Amino acid sequence: MKKIKLALFVTGGGTNCENIIKYFQNDEEVEIPIVVSSREDAYAIVRAQNLGVKTTVITRQQLNDDPALVLSTVTGCDYIILAGFLPKVPVYLIEQYPNRIINIHPALLPKFGGKGMWGHHVHEAVKAAGETESGITIHFVNPELDEGEHIAQFSCQLSPEDTPEDIADKVHELEMAHFPQVIEKVIKG
């Protein structure tokens, strides 16, 4: 049986990356042959290497200026999973992987999405808006930032006392609990 191959794209600490690798580690149908980082110093690289997954760095500039490098890196992969990947995905990659690039966003889109809305910026905006809930949106990537078709959303309740850090913790719990399972449903049909 041909395995479903996932390329994980990362930029930062890599908790989602590690969670996904561990989730599929003993799955006979799924393989993660490569983790691609947009930064050399991303701790996600260490996490992936510690779990025996090959890693490479493709900078933001290379992502935009060297399609041949990027496409050759993901050759043979069936899906690209953005697990905390900050650069905007270029159109050539979206065209090569239509409805096969999956992203997770730390808010309930369409609220708090778009340019500059990542990580703590999202949680600070949620707090400043006085929202009573936040959550995660797992969606397909299209050429517009955070506007791809939604696959799933999960929410958590917020209290007026919650700080942006508290909101981040609650959202992170949802990411850990749901992202790998949603990926599995999408890739296995």
N, C-alpha and C. Protein backbone atom coordinates (compact mmCIF):
# COMPACT_ATOMS: atom_id res chain seq x y z
N MET A 1 0.84 -1.19 0.00
CA MET A 1 0.00 0.00 0.00
C MET A 1 0.88 1.25 0.00
N LYS A 2 0.55 2.21 -0.86
CA LYS A 2 1.28 3.47 -0.93
C LYS A 2 0.89 4.33 0.27
N LYS A 3 1.90 4.83 0.96
CA LYS A 3 1.63 5.68 2.12
C LYS A 3 1.27 7.09 1.67
N ILE A 4 0.44 7.76 2.49
CA ILE A 4 0.12 9.17 2.28
C ILE A 4 1.27 9.95 2.91
N LYS A 5 1.91 10.79 2.10
CA LYS A 5 3.09 11.53 2.60
C LYS A 5 2.75 12.99 2.87
N LEU A 6 3.16 13.44 4.06
CA LEU A 6 2.92 14.81 4.51
C LEU A 6 4.24 15.55 4.64
N ALA A 7 4.30 16.76 4.09
CA ALA A 7 5.40 17.68 4.36
C ALA A 7 4.89 18.68 5.38
N LEU A 8 5.61 18.84 6.49
CA LEU A 8 5.22 19.82 7.51
C LEU A 8 6.05 21.08 7.32
N PHE A 9 5.40 22.23 7.24
CA PHE A 9 6.07 23.51 7.11
C PHE A 9 5.96 24.24 8.44
N VAL A 10 7.08 24.74 8.95
CA VAL A 10 7.15 25.36 10.27
C VAL A 10 7.98 26.64 10.24
N THR A 11 7.84 27.42 11.31
CA THR A 11 8.66 28.63 11.47
C THR A 11 9.21 28.74 12.88
N GLY A 12 8.48 28.27 13.88
CA GLY A 12 8.84 28.57 15.26
C GLY A 12 9.17 27.38 16.13
N GLY A 13 8.52 27.35 17.29
CA GLY A 13 8.84 26.38 18.33
C GLY A 13 8.53 24.94 18.02
N GLY A 14 7.50 24.71 17.23
CA GLY A 14 7.26 23.37 16.73
C GLY A 14 6.42 22.45 17.59
N THR A 15 5.62 22.98 18.51
CA THR A 15 4.79 22.07 19.31
C THR A 15 3.75 21.36 18.45
N ASN A 16 3.14 22.07 17.49
CA ASN A 16 2.19 21.42 16.59
C ASN A 16 2.91 20.40 15.71
N CYS A 17 4.07 20.76 15.22
CA CYS A 17 4.88 19.85 14.40
C CYS A 17 5.16 18.55 15.16
N GLU A 18 5.66 18.68 16.37
CA GLU A 18 5.97 17.50 17.19
C GLU A 18 4.72 16.66 17.45
N ASN A 19 3.61 17.33 17.75
CA ASN A 19 2.35 16.65 18.04
C ASN A 19 1.89 15.84 16.82
N ILE A 20 2.00 16.42 15.64
CA ILE A 20 1.58 15.74 14.40
C ILE A 20 2.49 14.54 14.11
N ILE A 21 3.80 14.74 14.25
CA ILE A 21 4.74 13.63 14.01
C ILE A 21 4.44 12.47 14.96
N LYS A 22 4.26 12.77 16.24
CA LYS A 22 3.99 11.71 17.21
C LYS A 22 2.65 11.02 16.92
N TYR A 23 1.66 11.80 16.49
CA TYR A 23 0.33 11.25 16.21
C TYR A 23 0.40 10.20 15.09
N PHE A 24 1.19 10.48 14.06
CA PHE A 24 1.24 9.59 12.90
C PHE A 24 2.42 8.61 12.93
N GLN A 25 3.22 8.65 13.98
CA GLN A 25 4.45 7.85 14.05
C GLN A 25 4.23 6.36 13.78
N ASN A 26 3.19 5.79 14.30
CA ASN A 26 2.96 4.35 14.14
C ASN A 26 1.81 4.05 13.18
N ASP A 27 1.44 5.05 12.38
CA ASP A 27 0.35 4.88 11.42
C ASP A 27 0.92 4.25 10.15
N GLU A 28 0.41 3.10 9.77
CA GLU A 28 0.94 2.39 8.61
C GLU A 28 0.56 3.02 7.29
N GLU A 29 -0.40 3.98 7.32
CA GLU A 29 -0.86 4.61 6.08
C GLU A 29 -0.24 5.98 5.83
N VAL A 30 0.41 6.55 6.86
CA VAL A 30 0.88 7.93 6.76
C VAL A 30 2.37 8.01 7.07
N GLU A 31 3.08 8.84 6.29
CA GLU A 31 4.51 9.05 6.51
C GLU A 31 4.79 10.55 6.46
N ILE A 32 5.72 10.99 7.29
CA ILE A 32 6.17 12.39 7.26
C ILE A 32 7.65 12.38 6.88
N PRO A 33 7.95 12.51 5.58
CA PRO A 33 9.33 12.41 5.13
C PRO A 33 10.16 13.68 5.33
N ILE A 34 9.49 14.84 5.52
CA ILE A 34 10.26 16.09 5.58
C ILE A 34 9.54 17.14 6.41
N VAL A 35 10.34 17.89 7.18
CA VAL A 35 9.87 19.10 7.85
C VAL A 35 10.66 20.25 7.24
N VAL A 36 9.96 21.24 6.72
CA VAL A 36 10.57 22.40 6.07
C VAL A 36 10.39 23.60 6.98
N SER A 37 11.50 24.23 7.36
CA SER A 37 11.44 25.41 8.21
C SER A 37 11.82 26.66 7.42
N SER A 38 11.13 27.75 7.70
CA SER A 38 11.48 29.02 7.06
C SER A 38 12.60 29.74 7.81
N ARG A 39 12.98 29.20 8.97
CA ARG A 39 14.07 29.81 9.75
C ARG A 39 15.05 28.75 10.24
N GLU A 40 16.33 29.06 10.14
CA GLU A 40 17.39 28.15 10.59
C GLU A 40 17.32 27.88 12.08
N ASP A 41 16.88 28.88 12.86
CA ASP A 41 16.91 28.77 14.31
C ASP A 41 15.58 28.29 14.90
N ALA A 42 14.67 27.81 14.07
CA ALA A 42 13.37 27.34 14.57
C ALA A 42 13.57 26.09 15.41
N TYR A 43 13.03 26.09 16.62
CA TYR A 43 13.19 24.93 17.50
C TYR A 43 12.44 23.72 16.95
N ALA A 44 11.50 23.97 16.05
CA ALA A 44 10.77 22.88 15.40
C ALA A 44 11.75 21.91 14.71
N ILE A 45 12.85 22.41 14.21
CA ILE A 45 13.85 21.57 13.54
C ILE A 45 14.40 20.55 14.54
N VAL A 46 14.73 21.00 15.73
CA VAL A 46 15.26 20.12 16.77
C VAL A 46 14.21 19.07 17.14
N ARG A 47 12.98 19.51 17.32
CA ARG A 47 11.90 18.57 17.68
C ARG A 47 11.75 17.49 16.61
N ALA A 48 11.74 17.89 15.34
CA ALA A 48 11.57 16.93 14.24
C ALA A 48 12.76 15.97 14.18
N GLN A 49 13.97 16.51 14.28
CA GLN A 49 15.17 15.66 14.22
C GLN A 49 15.19 14.67 15.38
N ASN A 50 14.76 15.11 16.57
CA ASN A 50 14.71 14.21 17.73
C ASN A 50 13.74 13.05 17.51
N LEU A 51 12.78 13.24 16.61
CA LEU A 51 11.81 12.19 16.31
C LEU A 51 12.17 11.46 15.01
N GLY A 52 13.36 11.72 14.50
CA GLY A 52 13.85 10.98 13.34
C GLY A 52 13.34 11.44 12.00
N VAL A 53 12.80 12.68 11.94
CA VAL A 53 12.29 13.20 10.67
C VAL A 53 13.33 14.13 10.05
N LYS A 54 13.56 13.95 8.75
CA LYS A 54 14.50 14.79 8.00
C LYS A 54 13.99 16.23 7.98
N THR A 55 14.91 17.18 8.07
CA THR A 55 14.54 18.59 8.05
C THR A 55 15.37 19.34 7.02
N THR A 56 14.83 20.46 6.58
CA THR A 56 15.56 21.36 5.70
C THR A 56 15.07 22.77 5.95
N VAL A 57 15.88 23.74 5.56
CA VAL A 57 15.49 25.15 5.70
C VAL A 57 15.29 25.73 4.31
N ILE A 58 14.15 26.34 4.12
CA ILE A 58 13.88 27.11 2.90
C ILE A 58 13.44 28.49 3.38
N THR A 59 14.28 29.46 3.13
CA THR A 59 14.00 30.82 3.62
C THR A 59 12.79 31.42 2.88
N ARG A 60 12.29 32.48 3.47
CA ARG A 60 11.17 33.20 2.85
C ARG A 60 11.54 33.63 1.43
N GLN A 61 12.78 34.11 1.26
CA GLN A 61 13.22 34.55 -0.07
C GLN A 61 13.26 33.37 -1.05
N GLN A 62 13.81 32.24 -0.60
CA GLN A 62 13.85 31.06 -1.47
C GLN A 62 12.44 30.59 -1.81
N LEU A 63 11.55 30.66 -0.85
CA LEU A 63 10.17 30.24 -1.06
C LEU A 63 9.56 31.03 -2.22
N ASN A 64 9.85 32.31 -2.26
CA ASN A 64 9.28 33.17 -3.29
C ASN A 64 10.07 33.18 -4.60
N ASP A 65 11.40 33.01 -4.51
CA ASP A 65 12.26 33.19 -5.69
C ASP A 65 12.73 31.89 -6.34
N ASP A 66 12.54 30.75 -5.68
CA ASP A 66 13.10 29.50 -6.20
C ASP A 66 12.07 28.37 -6.17
N PRO A 67 11.03 28.48 -7.01
CA PRO A 67 10.00 27.43 -7.03
C PRO A 67 10.58 26.04 -7.27
N ALA A 68 11.61 25.93 -8.09
CA ALA A 68 12.18 24.60 -8.39
C ALA A 68 12.72 23.95 -7.12
N LEU A 69 13.38 24.74 -6.26
CA LEU A 69 13.91 24.22 -5.00
C LEU A 69 12.77 23.72 -4.11
N VAL A 70 11.74 24.54 -3.97
CA VAL A 70 10.62 24.20 -3.09
C VAL A 70 9.90 22.96 -3.60
N LEU A 71 9.58 22.94 -4.88
CA LEU A 71 8.84 21.81 -5.44
C LEU A 71 9.65 20.52 -5.39
N SER A 72 10.96 20.63 -5.60
CA SER A 72 11.78 19.41 -5.53
C SER A 72 11.86 18.90 -4.09
N THR A 73 11.79 19.80 -3.13
CA THR A 73 11.84 19.42 -1.71
C THR A 73 10.60 18.63 -1.30
N VAL A 74 9.46 18.98 -1.87
CA VAL A 74 8.21 18.32 -1.50
C VAL A 74 7.75 17.27 -2.53
N THR A 75 8.61 16.97 -3.48
CA THR A 75 8.27 15.95 -4.49
C THR A 75 7.88 14.65 -3.79
N GLY A 76 6.79 14.08 -4.25
CA GLY A 76 6.32 12.82 -3.66
C GLY A 76 5.40 13.00 -2.48
N CYS A 77 5.31 14.23 -1.96
CA CYS A 77 4.40 14.48 -0.84
C CYS A 77 3.00 14.72 -1.38
N ASP A 78 2.02 14.21 -0.66
CA ASP A 78 0.63 14.33 -1.07
C ASP A 78 -0.04 15.58 -0.50
N TYR A 79 0.40 15.98 0.69
CA TYR A 79 -0.18 17.15 1.37
C TYR A 79 0.93 17.96 2.00
N ILE A 80 0.67 19.26 2.14
CA ILE A 80 1.53 20.14 2.90
C ILE A 80 0.72 20.62 4.10
N ILE A 81 1.30 20.48 5.28
CA ILE A 81 0.63 20.90 6.52
C ILE A 81 1.40 22.09 7.09
N LEU A 82 0.73 23.21 7.25
CA LEU A 82 1.36 24.39 7.85
C LEU A 82 1.14 24.30 9.35
N ALA A 83 2.21 24.00 10.07
CA ALA A 83 2.14 23.82 11.52
C ALA A 83 2.90 24.96 12.19
N GLY A 84 2.31 26.15 12.10
CA GLY A 84 2.99 27.33 12.62
C GLY A 84 3.97 27.86 11.60
N PHE A 85 3.53 28.01 10.36
CA PHE A 85 4.36 28.51 9.25
C PHE A 85 3.92 29.93 8.95
N LEU A 86 4.84 30.90 9.06
CA LEU A 86 4.44 32.30 8.95
C LEU A 86 4.47 32.90 7.55
N PRO A 87 5.42 32.53 6.67
CA PRO A 87 5.40 33.17 5.35
C PRO A 87 4.11 32.85 4.58
N LYS A 88 3.71 33.79 3.74
CA LYS A 88 2.56 33.56 2.87
C LYS A 88 2.95 32.50 1.84
N VAL A 89 2.08 31.53 1.64
CA VAL A 89 2.34 30.46 0.68
C VAL A 89 2.19 31.04 -0.74
N PRO A 90 3.22 30.88 -1.57
CA PRO A 90 3.15 31.43 -2.92
C PRO A 90 2.13 30.68 -3.80
N VAL A 91 1.60 31.41 -4.77
CA VAL A 91 0.55 30.88 -5.64
C VAL A 91 1.00 29.61 -6.36
N TYR A 92 2.28 29.56 -6.82
CA TYR A 92 2.72 28.37 -7.56
C TYR A 92 2.56 27.10 -6.72
N LEU A 93 2.78 27.20 -5.41
CA LEU A 93 2.66 26.03 -4.54
C LEU A 93 1.19 25.66 -4.33
N ILE A 94 0.34 26.67 -4.18
CA ILE A 94 -1.10 26.44 -4.03
C ILE A 94 -1.64 25.76 -5.29
N GLU A 95 -1.18 26.22 -6.45
CA GLU A 95 -1.64 25.63 -7.72
C GLU A 95 -1.17 24.18 -7.85
N GLN A 96 0.01 23.88 -7.32
CA GLN A 96 0.55 22.52 -7.38
C GLN A 96 -0.15 21.59 -6.39
N TYR A 97 -0.69 22.16 -5.30
CA TYR A 97 -1.35 21.40 -4.24
C TYR A 97 -2.75 21.95 -3.95
N PRO A 98 -3.64 21.94 -4.94
CA PRO A 98 -4.98 22.50 -4.70
C PRO A 98 -5.74 21.69 -3.65
N ASN A 99 -6.26 22.38 -2.64
CA ASN A 99 -6.97 21.74 -1.53
C ASN A 99 -6.15 20.63 -0.88
N ARG A 100 -4.83 20.80 -0.92
CA ARG A 100 -3.94 19.83 -0.26
C ARG A 100 -2.89 20.54 0.59
N ILE A 101 -3.12 21.83 0.87
CA ILE A 101 -2.31 22.56 1.85
C ILE A 101 -3.26 22.94 2.98
N ILE A 102 -2.95 22.47 4.17
CA ILE A 102 -3.82 22.66 5.33
C ILE A 102 -3.11 23.54 6.35
N ASN A 103 -3.82 24.55 6.82
CA ASN A 103 -3.28 25.49 7.81
C ASN A 103 -4.14 25.47 9.07
N ILE A 104 -3.52 25.84 10.18
CA ILE A 104 -4.25 26.05 11.42
C ILE A 104 -4.06 27.51 11.82
N HIS A 105 -5.15 28.16 12.20
CA HIS A 105 -5.10 29.57 12.61
C HIS A 105 -5.62 29.66 14.05
N PRO A 106 -4.93 30.44 14.91
CA PRO A 106 -5.31 30.48 16.33
C PRO A 106 -6.45 31.44 16.67
N ALA A 107 -7.50 31.42 15.85
CA ALA A 107 -8.69 32.22 16.12
C ALA A 107 -9.84 31.64 15.31
N LEU A 108 -11.03 32.13 15.59
CA LEU A 108 -12.21 31.68 14.87
C LEU A 108 -12.39 32.58 13.64
N LEU A 109 -11.79 32.17 12.54
CA LEU A 109 -11.91 32.94 11.30
C LEU A 109 -13.38 33.02 10.90
N PRO A 110 -13.82 34.10 10.27
CA PRO A 110 -13.01 35.14 9.64
C PRO A 110 -12.49 36.22 10.59
N LYS A 111 -12.87 36.17 11.87
CA LYS A 111 -12.34 37.16 12.80
C LYS A 111 -10.85 36.94 13.03
N PHE A 112 -10.11 38.03 13.17
CA PHE A 112 -8.71 38.02 13.59
C PHE A 112 -7.80 37.22 12.65
N GLY A 113 -8.05 37.36 11.34
CA GLY A 113 -7.19 36.74 10.35
C GLY A 113 -6.55 37.81 9.48
N GLY A 114 -5.70 37.36 8.57
CA GLY A 114 -5.07 38.27 7.61
C GLY A 114 -3.68 38.69 8.01
N LYS A 115 -3.16 39.66 7.28
CA LYS A 115 -1.78 40.12 7.45
C LYS A 115 -1.52 40.57 8.89
N GLY A 116 -0.42 40.08 9.45
CA GLY A 116 -0.02 40.47 10.80
C GLY A 116 -0.73 39.72 11.91
N MET A 117 -1.70 38.90 11.55
CA MET A 117 -2.47 38.17 12.57
C MET A 117 -1.90 36.76 12.74
N TRP A 118 -0.94 36.67 13.63
CA TRP A 118 -0.34 35.38 13.97
C TRP A 118 0.10 35.44 15.43
N GLY A 119 0.17 34.27 16.06
CA GLY A 119 0.69 34.16 17.43
C GLY A 119 0.06 35.15 18.40
N HIS A 120 0.91 35.78 19.18
CA HIS A 120 0.43 36.67 20.24
C HIS A 120 -0.38 37.85 19.71
N HIS A 121 -0.13 38.26 18.46
CA HIS A 121 -0.90 39.37 17.87
C HIS A 121 -2.40 39.03 17.83
N VAL A 122 -2.69 37.77 17.50
CA VAL A 122 -4.09 37.33 17.46
C VAL A 122 -4.70 37.38 18.86
N HIS A 123 -4.00 36.82 19.84
CA HIS A 123 -4.56 36.74 21.19
C HIS A 123 -4.72 38.13 21.81
N GLU A 124 -3.80 39.03 21.51
CA GLU A 124 -3.93 40.41 22.01
C GLU A 124 -5.14 41.10 21.37
N ALA A 125 -5.37 40.84 20.08
CA ALA A 125 -6.52 41.43 19.39
C ALA A 125 -7.83 40.86 19.93
N VAL A 126 -7.85 39.56 20.21
CA VAL A 126 -9.04 38.92 20.77
C VAL A 126 -9.36 39.54 22.13
N LYS A 127 -8.34 39.71 22.96
CA LYS A 127 -8.51 40.32 24.28
C LYS A 127 -9.00 41.77 24.15
N ALA A 128 -8.35 42.54 23.28
CA ALA A 128 -8.71 43.95 23.11
C ALA A 128 -10.15 44.12 22.62
N ALA A 129 -10.65 43.14 21.85
CA ALA A 129 -12.01 43.21 21.32
C ALA A 129 -13.06 42.75 22.35
N GLY A 130 -12.58 42.23 23.50
CA GLY A 130 -13.51 41.78 24.52
C GLY A 130 -14.30 40.54 24.15
N GLU A 131 -13.72 39.70 23.32
CA GLU A 131 -14.40 38.48 22.87
C GLU A 131 -14.68 37.55 24.06
N THR A 132 -15.79 36.81 23.97
CA THR A 132 -16.13 35.85 25.02
C THR A 132 -15.73 34.43 24.63
N GLU A 133 -15.28 34.28 23.39
CA GLU A 133 -14.74 32.99 22.97
C GLU A 133 -13.66 33.20 21.92
N SER A 134 -12.79 32.21 21.83
CA SER A 134 -11.79 32.17 20.77
C SER A 134 -11.69 30.71 20.35
N GLY A 135 -10.61 30.37 19.66
CA GLY A 135 -10.48 28.98 19.24
C GLY A 135 -9.52 28.82 18.09
N ILE A 136 -9.74 27.77 17.33
CA ILE A 136 -8.88 27.47 16.19
C ILE A 136 -9.73 27.25 14.95
N THR A 137 -9.15 27.59 13.82
CA THR A 137 -9.75 27.29 12.53
C THR A 137 -8.73 26.51 11.72
N ILE A 138 -9.13 25.34 11.26
CA ILE A 138 -8.29 24.54 10.38
C ILE A 138 -8.90 24.69 9.00
N HIS A 139 -8.06 25.12 8.03
CA HIS A 139 -8.61 25.45 6.71
C HIS A 139 -7.63 25.12 5.60
N PHE A 140 -8.18 24.99 4.39
CA PHE A 140 -7.34 24.85 3.21
C PHE A 140 -6.75 26.22 2.89
N VAL A 141 -5.57 26.21 2.29
CA VAL A 141 -4.90 27.46 1.94
C VAL A 141 -5.27 27.84 0.51
N ASN A 142 -5.63 29.11 0.34
CA ASN A 142 -5.83 29.67 -0.99
C ASN A 142 -4.96 30.92 -1.10
N PRO A 143 -4.98 31.62 -2.24
CA PRO A 143 -4.05 32.76 -2.38
C PRO A 143 -4.30 33.92 -1.42
N GLU A 144 -5.47 33.99 -0.79
CA GLU A 144 -5.75 35.07 0.16
C GLU A 144 -5.46 34.60 1.58
N LEU A 145 -4.78 35.42 2.36
CA LEU A 145 -4.39 35.05 3.72
C LEU A 145 -5.60 34.69 4.59
N ASP A 146 -5.60 33.50 5.13
CA ASP A 146 -6.62 33.04 6.08
C ASP A 146 -8.04 33.04 5.52
N GLU A 147 -8.18 32.95 4.20
CA GLU A 147 -9.52 32.98 3.60
C GLU A 147 -9.89 31.67 2.92
N GLY A 148 -9.08 30.63 3.05
CA GLY A 148 -9.39 29.35 2.42
C GLY A 148 -10.57 28.67 3.09
N GLU A 149 -11.13 27.71 2.38
CA GLU A 149 -12.30 26.98 2.87
C GLU A 149 -12.03 26.34 4.23
N HIS A 150 -12.97 26.55 5.16
CA HIS A 150 -12.83 26.00 6.51
C HIS A 150 -13.06 24.49 6.48
N ILE A 151 -12.21 23.77 7.20
CA ILE A 151 -12.36 22.33 7.38
C ILE A 151 -13.03 22.07 8.73
N ALA A 152 -12.56 22.76 9.76
CA ALA A 152 -13.12 22.57 11.11
C ALA A 152 -12.79 23.78 11.97
N GLN A 153 -13.65 24.03 12.95
CA GLN A 153 -13.40 25.05 13.97
C GLN A 153 -13.73 24.45 15.33
N PHE A 154 -12.92 24.84 16.33
CA PHE A 154 -13.15 24.42 17.71
C PHE A 154 -13.00 25.66 18.56
N SER A 155 -13.90 25.83 19.54
CA SER A 155 -13.87 27.06 20.33
C SER A 155 -13.66 26.78 21.81
N CYS A 156 -13.24 27.83 22.50
CA CYS A 156 -13.10 27.78 23.96
C CYS A 156 -13.69 29.07 24.52
N GLN A 157 -14.23 28.98 25.72
CA GLN A 157 -14.82 30.14 26.37
C GLN A 157 -13.71 30.99 27.00
N LEU A 158 -13.92 32.30 26.97
CA LEU A 158 -12.98 33.23 27.58
C LEU A 158 -13.69 33.98 28.69
N SER A 159 -12.93 34.32 29.72
CA SER A 159 -13.50 35.15 30.78
C SER A 159 -12.85 36.53 30.70
N PRO A 160 -13.51 37.55 31.26
CA PRO A 160 -12.95 38.90 31.21
C PRO A 160 -11.57 38.98 31.87
N GLU A 161 -11.28 38.05 32.80
CA GLU A 161 -9.99 38.06 33.49
C GLU A 161 -8.87 37.45 32.66
N ASP A 162 -9.20 36.72 31.60
CA ASP A 162 -8.16 36.06 30.79
C ASP A 162 -7.22 37.08 30.17
N THR A 163 -5.93 36.84 30.33
CA THR A 163 -4.91 37.65 29.67
C THR A 163 -4.67 37.08 28.27
N PRO A 164 -3.96 37.81 27.41
CA PRO A 164 -3.61 37.22 26.11
C PRO A 164 -2.86 35.89 26.27
N GLU A 165 -2.05 35.77 27.32
CA GLU A 165 -1.32 34.52 27.58
C GLU A 165 -2.28 33.39 27.95
N ASP A 166 -3.31 33.72 28.74
CA ASP A 166 -4.33 32.72 29.10
C ASP A 166 -5.07 32.25 27.84
N ILE A 167 -5.40 33.22 26.98
CA ILE A 167 -6.09 32.89 25.72
C ILE A 167 -5.20 31.98 24.88
N ALA A 168 -3.92 32.32 24.80
CA ALA A 168 -2.97 31.49 24.03
C ALA A 168 -2.94 30.07 24.57
N ASP A 169 -2.93 29.92 25.88
CA ASP A 169 -2.90 28.58 26.49
C ASP A 169 -4.15 27.78 26.14
N LYS A 170 -5.31 28.43 26.21
CA LYS A 170 -6.57 27.74 25.89
C LYS A 170 -6.61 27.32 24.42
N VAL A 171 -6.16 28.21 23.55
CA VAL A 171 -6.14 27.92 22.11
C VAL A 171 -5.13 26.80 21.82
N HIS A 172 -4.00 26.84 22.50
CA HIS A 172 -2.97 25.81 22.30
C HIS A 172 -3.50 24.41 22.67
N GLU A 173 -4.29 24.35 23.74
CA GLU A 173 -4.90 23.07 24.14
C GLU A 173 -5.78 22.53 23.01
N LEU A 174 -6.53 23.42 22.37
CA LEU A 174 -7.38 23.00 21.25
C LEU A 174 -6.53 22.49 20.08
N GLU A 175 -5.43 23.19 19.81
CA GLU A 175 -4.53 22.77 18.72
C GLU A 175 -4.02 21.35 18.97
N MET A 176 -3.54 21.12 20.19
CA MET A 176 -2.98 19.81 20.52
C MET A 176 -4.05 18.71 20.45
N ALA A 177 -5.26 19.04 20.85
CA ALA A 177 -6.33 18.04 20.90
C ALA A 177 -6.91 17.71 19.53
N HIS A 178 -6.94 18.70 18.62
CA HIS A 178 -7.73 18.51 17.41
C HIS A 178 -6.97 18.49 16.08
N PHE A 179 -5.84 19.20 15.96
CA PHE A 179 -5.21 19.35 14.65
C PHE A 179 -4.84 18.01 14.00
N PRO A 180 -4.15 17.10 14.70
CA PRO A 180 -3.79 15.84 14.04
C PRO A 180 -5.01 15.02 13.60
N GLN A 181 -6.06 14.99 14.41
CA GLN A 181 -7.25 14.22 14.06
C GLN A 181 -7.94 14.78 12.82
N VAL A 182 -7.99 16.10 12.72
CA VAL A 182 -8.61 16.73 11.55
C VAL A 182 -7.78 16.44 10.30
N ILE A 183 -6.46 16.53 10.43
CA ILE A 183 -5.59 16.18 9.30
C ILE A 183 -5.88 14.75 8.85
N GLU A 184 -5.97 13.85 9.81
CA GLU A 184 -6.21 12.45 9.48
C GLU A 184 -7.53 12.26 8.72
N LYS A 185 -8.57 12.94 9.16
CA LYS A 185 -9.87 12.83 8.48
C LYS A 185 -9.78 13.33 7.04
N VAL A 186 -9.06 14.45 6.84
CA VAL A 186 -8.94 15.01 5.49
C VAL A 186 -8.14 14.07 4.59
N ILE A 187 -6.98 13.62 5.06
CA ILE A 187 -6.09 12.85 4.17
C ILE A 187 -6.57 11.43 3.92
N LYS A 188 -7.33 10.89 4.87
CA LYS A 188 -7.82 9.51 4.69
C LYS A 188 -9.25 9.47 4.17
N GLY A 189 -9.86 10.64 4.00
CA GLY A 189 -11.20 10.71 3.45
C GLY A 189 -12.22 10.25 4.42
